[in-house]
Amino acid sequence: MTENAVTRAAELLKDHRASIDRLDAILVYTLGERFKHTQAVGQLKAQHALPPSDPAREAQQIARLEELATQADLDPEFAKKFLNFIIAEVIQHHKQHQA
């Protein structure tokens, strides 16, 4: 490989990493915003003695996310695992509101 090719590869790597860093920031801020809303949902559920989890809603969201993942060329199983992780965290927050 020539020095020019190595330099170009290093530039491309730097550009990809900069994009990844921006996307990571978007993910973190998006999750923060999402959790603000789920905290409000948890408070409403606690105030009205509603259960912390809603299996029907969760199943709908998982199916929806799997479809979105397919459209986005993302592994649907990964998307499902990711949403299940988020849902478990949200349910824990909802249970804390009810305690």
C-alpha atoms as a PDB file:
ATOM      1  CA  MET A   1       0.000   0.000   0.000  1.00  0.00           C
ATOM      2  CA  THR A   2       1.345   3.415  -0.876  1.00  0.00           C
ATOM      3  CA  GLU A   3       1.780   6.236   1.609  1.00  0.00           C
ATOM      4  CA  ASN A   4      -0.890   8.193  -0.276  1.00  0.00           C
ATOM      5  CA  ALA A   5      -3.383   5.313   0.126  1.00  0.00           C
ATOM      6  CA  VAL A   6      -2.608   5.038   3.849  1.00  0.00           C
ATOM      7  CA  THR A   7      -3.054   8.796   4.292  1.00  0.00           C
ATOM      8  CA  ARG A   8      -6.376   8.679   2.430  1.00  0.00           C
ATOM      9  CA  ALA A   9      -7.525   5.724   4.535  1.00  0.00           C
ATOM     10  CA  ALA A  10      -6.622   7.640   7.701  1.00  0.00           C
ATOM     11  CA  GLU A  11      -8.662  10.624   6.478  1.00  0.00           C
ATOM     12  CA  LEU A  12     -11.655   8.410   5.702  1.00  0.00           C
ATOM     13  CA  LEU A  13     -11.358   6.747   9.109  1.00  0.00           C
ATOM     14  CA  LYS A  14     -11.323  10.167  10.774  1.00  0.00           C
ATOM     15  CA  ASP A  15     -14.452  11.211   8.837  1.00  0.00           C
ATOM     16  CA  HIS A  16     -16.292   7.988   9.725  1.00  0.00           C
ATOM     17  CA  ARG A  17     -15.377   8.361  13.385  1.00  0.00           C
ATOM     18  CA  ALA A  18     -16.567  11.978  13.423  1.00  0.00           C
ATOM     19  CA  SER A  19     -19.915  10.834  12.009  1.00  0.00           C
ATOM     20  CA  ILE A  20     -20.127   8.036  14.559  1.00  0.00           C
ATOM     21  CA  ASP A  21     -19.435  10.529  17.361  1.00  0.00           C
ATOM     22  CA  ARG A  22     -22.237  12.812  16.127  1.00  0.00           C
ATOM     23  CA  LEU A  23     -24.634   9.876  15.854  1.00  0.00           C
ATOM     24  CA  ASP A  24     -23.738   8.705  19.365  1.00  0.00           C
ATOM     25  CA  ALA A  25     -24.605  12.181  20.645  1.00  0.00           C
ATOM     26  CA  ILE A  26     -27.925  12.052  18.797  1.00  0.00           C
ATOM     27  CA  LEU A  27     -28.682   8.649  20.337  1.00  0.00           C
ATOM     28  CA  VAL A  28     -27.902   9.850  23.862  1.00  0.00           C
ATOM     29  CA  TYR A  29     -29.993  13.013  23.554  1.00  0.00           C
ATOM     30  CA  THR A  30     -32.828  11.062  21.913  1.00  0.00           C
ATOM     31  CA  LEU A  31     -32.812   8.491  24.723  1.00  0.00           C
ATOM     32  CA  GLY A  32     -32.779  11.321  27.260  1.00  0.00           C
ATOM     33  CA  GLU A  33     -35.858  12.863  25.635  1.00  0.00           C
ATOM     34  CA  ARG A  34     -37.566   9.475  25.430  1.00  0.00           C
ATOM     35  CA  PHE A  35     -36.986   8.812  29.108  1.00  0.00           C
ATOM     36  CA  LYS A  36     -38.432  12.225  30.048  1.00  0.00           C
ATOM     37  CA  HIS A  37     -41.675  11.105  28.433  1.00  0.00           C
ATOM     38  CA  THR A  38     -41.615   7.629  29.933  1.00  0.00           C
ATOM     39  CA  GLN A  39     -41.025   9.186  33.377  1.00  0.00           C
ATOM     40  CA  ALA A  40     -44.169  11.275  32.851  1.00  0.00           C
ATOM     41  CA  VAL A  41     -46.039   8.128  31.799  1.00  0.00           C
ATOM     42  CA  GLY A  42     -44.812   6.374  34.954  1.00  0.00           C
ATOM     43  CA  GLN A  43     -46.066   9.221  37.125  1.00  0.00           C
ATOM     44  CA  LEU A  44     -49.462   9.139  35.427  1.00  0.00           C
ATOM     45  CA  LYS A  45     -49.685   5.383  35.871  1.00  0.00           C
ATOM     46  CA  ALA A  46     -48.784   5.694  39.553  1.00  0.00           C
ATOM     47  CA  GLN A  47     -51.337   8.466  40.106  1.00  0.00           C
ATOM     48  CA  HIS A  48     -54.082   6.381  38.537  1.00  0.00           C
ATOM     49  CA  ALA A  49     -53.040   2.982  39.930  1.00  0.00           C
ATOM     50  CA  LEU A  50     -52.288   1.583  36.487  1.00  0.00           C
ATOM     51  CA  PRO A  51     -49.862  -1.334  36.119  1.00  0.00           C
ATOM     52  CA  PRO A  52     -46.235  -0.410  35.381  1.00  0.00           C
ATOM     53  CA  SER A  53     -46.122  -2.538  32.252  1.00  0.00           C
ATOM     54  CA  ASP A  54     -48.483  -2.803  29.289  1.00  0.00           C
ATOM     55  CA  PRO A  55     -47.700  -6.071  27.475  1.00  0.00           C
ATOM     56  CA  ALA A  56     -50.001  -5.297  24.531  1.00  0.00           C
ATOM     57  CA  ARG A  57     -48.351  -1.905  23.951  1.00  0.00           C
ATOM     58  CA  GLU A  58     -44.895  -3.438  24.346  1.00  0.00           C
ATOM     59  CA  ALA A  59     -45.673  -6.141  21.767  1.00  0.00           C
ATOM     60  CA  GLN A  60     -46.942  -3.481  19.330  1.00  0.00           C
ATOM     61  CA  GLN A  61     -43.805  -1.404  19.824  1.00  0.00           C
ATOM     62  CA  ILE A  62     -41.519  -4.389  19.311  1.00  0.00           C
ATOM     63  CA  ALA A  63     -43.306  -5.342  16.086  1.00  0.00           C
ATOM     64  CA  ARG A  64     -43.176  -1.713  14.932  1.00  0.00           C
ATOM     65  CA  LEU A  65     -39.474  -1.426  15.720  1.00  0.00           C
ATOM     66  CA  GLU A  66     -38.695  -4.692  13.929  1.00  0.00           C
ATOM     67  CA  GLU A  67     -40.415  -3.310  10.820  1.00  0.00           C
ATOM     68  CA  LEU A  68     -38.544  -0.006  11.091  1.00  0.00           C
ATOM     69  CA  ALA A  69     -35.281  -1.903  11.541  1.00  0.00           C
ATOM     70  CA  THR A  70     -35.929  -3.912   8.395  1.00  0.00           C
ATOM     71  CA  GLN A  71     -36.645  -0.702   6.479  1.00  0.00           C
ATOM     72  CA  ALA A  72     -33.455   0.865   7.866  1.00  0.00           C
ATOM     73  CA  ASP A  73     -31.362  -2.188   6.948  1.00  0.00           C
ATOM     74  CA  LEU A  74     -30.701  -2.904  10.620  1.00  0.00           C
ATOM     75  CA  ASP A  75     -30.827  -6.400  12.085  1.00  0.00           C
ATOM     76  CA  PRO A  76     -34.394  -6.715  13.473  1.00  0.00           C
ATOM     77  CA  GLU A  77     -33.184  -9.037  16.240  1.00  0.00           C
ATOM     78  CA  PHE A  78     -30.734  -6.388  17.419  1.00  0.00           C
ATOM     79  CA  ALA A  79     -33.494  -3.760  17.331  1.00  0.00           C
ATOM     80  CA  LYS A  80     -35.773  -6.085  19.314  1.00  0.00           C
ATOM     81  CA  LYS A  81     -33.094  -6.700  21.961  1.00  0.00           C
ATOM     82  CA  PHE A  82     -32.417  -2.968  22.175  1.00  0.00           C
ATOM     83  CA  LEU A  83     -36.104  -2.106  22.648  1.00  0.00           C
ATOM     84  CA  ASN A  84     -36.551  -4.913  25.184  1.00  0.00           C
ATOM     85  CA  PHE A  85     -33.658  -3.434  27.171  1.00  0.00           C
ATOM     86  CA  ILE A  86     -35.268   0.016  27.077  1.00  0.00           C
ATOM     87  CA  ILE A  87     -38.693  -1.373  28.013  1.00  0.00           C
ATOM     88  CA  ALA A  88     -37.221  -3.230  31.001  1.00  0.00           C
ATOM     89  CA  GLU A  89     -35.572  -0.007  32.184  1.00  0.00           C
ATOM     90  CA  VAL A  90     -38.801   1.964  31.745  1.00  0.00           C
ATOM     91  CA  ILE A  91     -40.787  -0.633  33.719  1.00  0.00           C
ATOM     92  CA  GLN A  92     -38.252  -0.371  36.547  1.00  0.00           C
ATOM     93  CA  HIS A  93     -38.740   3.404  36.569  1.00  0.00           C
ATOM     94  CA  HIS A  94     -42.516   2.971  36.590  1.00  0.00           C
ATOM     95  CA  LYS A  95     -42.268   0.577  39.541  1.00  0.00           C
ATOM     96  CA  GLN A  96     -40.188   3.166  41.409  1.00  0.00           C
ATOM     97  CA  HIS A  97     -42.937   5.734  40.902  1.00  0.00           C
ATOM     98  CA  GLN A  98     -45.441   3.339  42.417  1.00  0.00           C
ATOM     99  CA  ALA A  99     -43.306   2.554  45.449  1.00  0.00           C
END
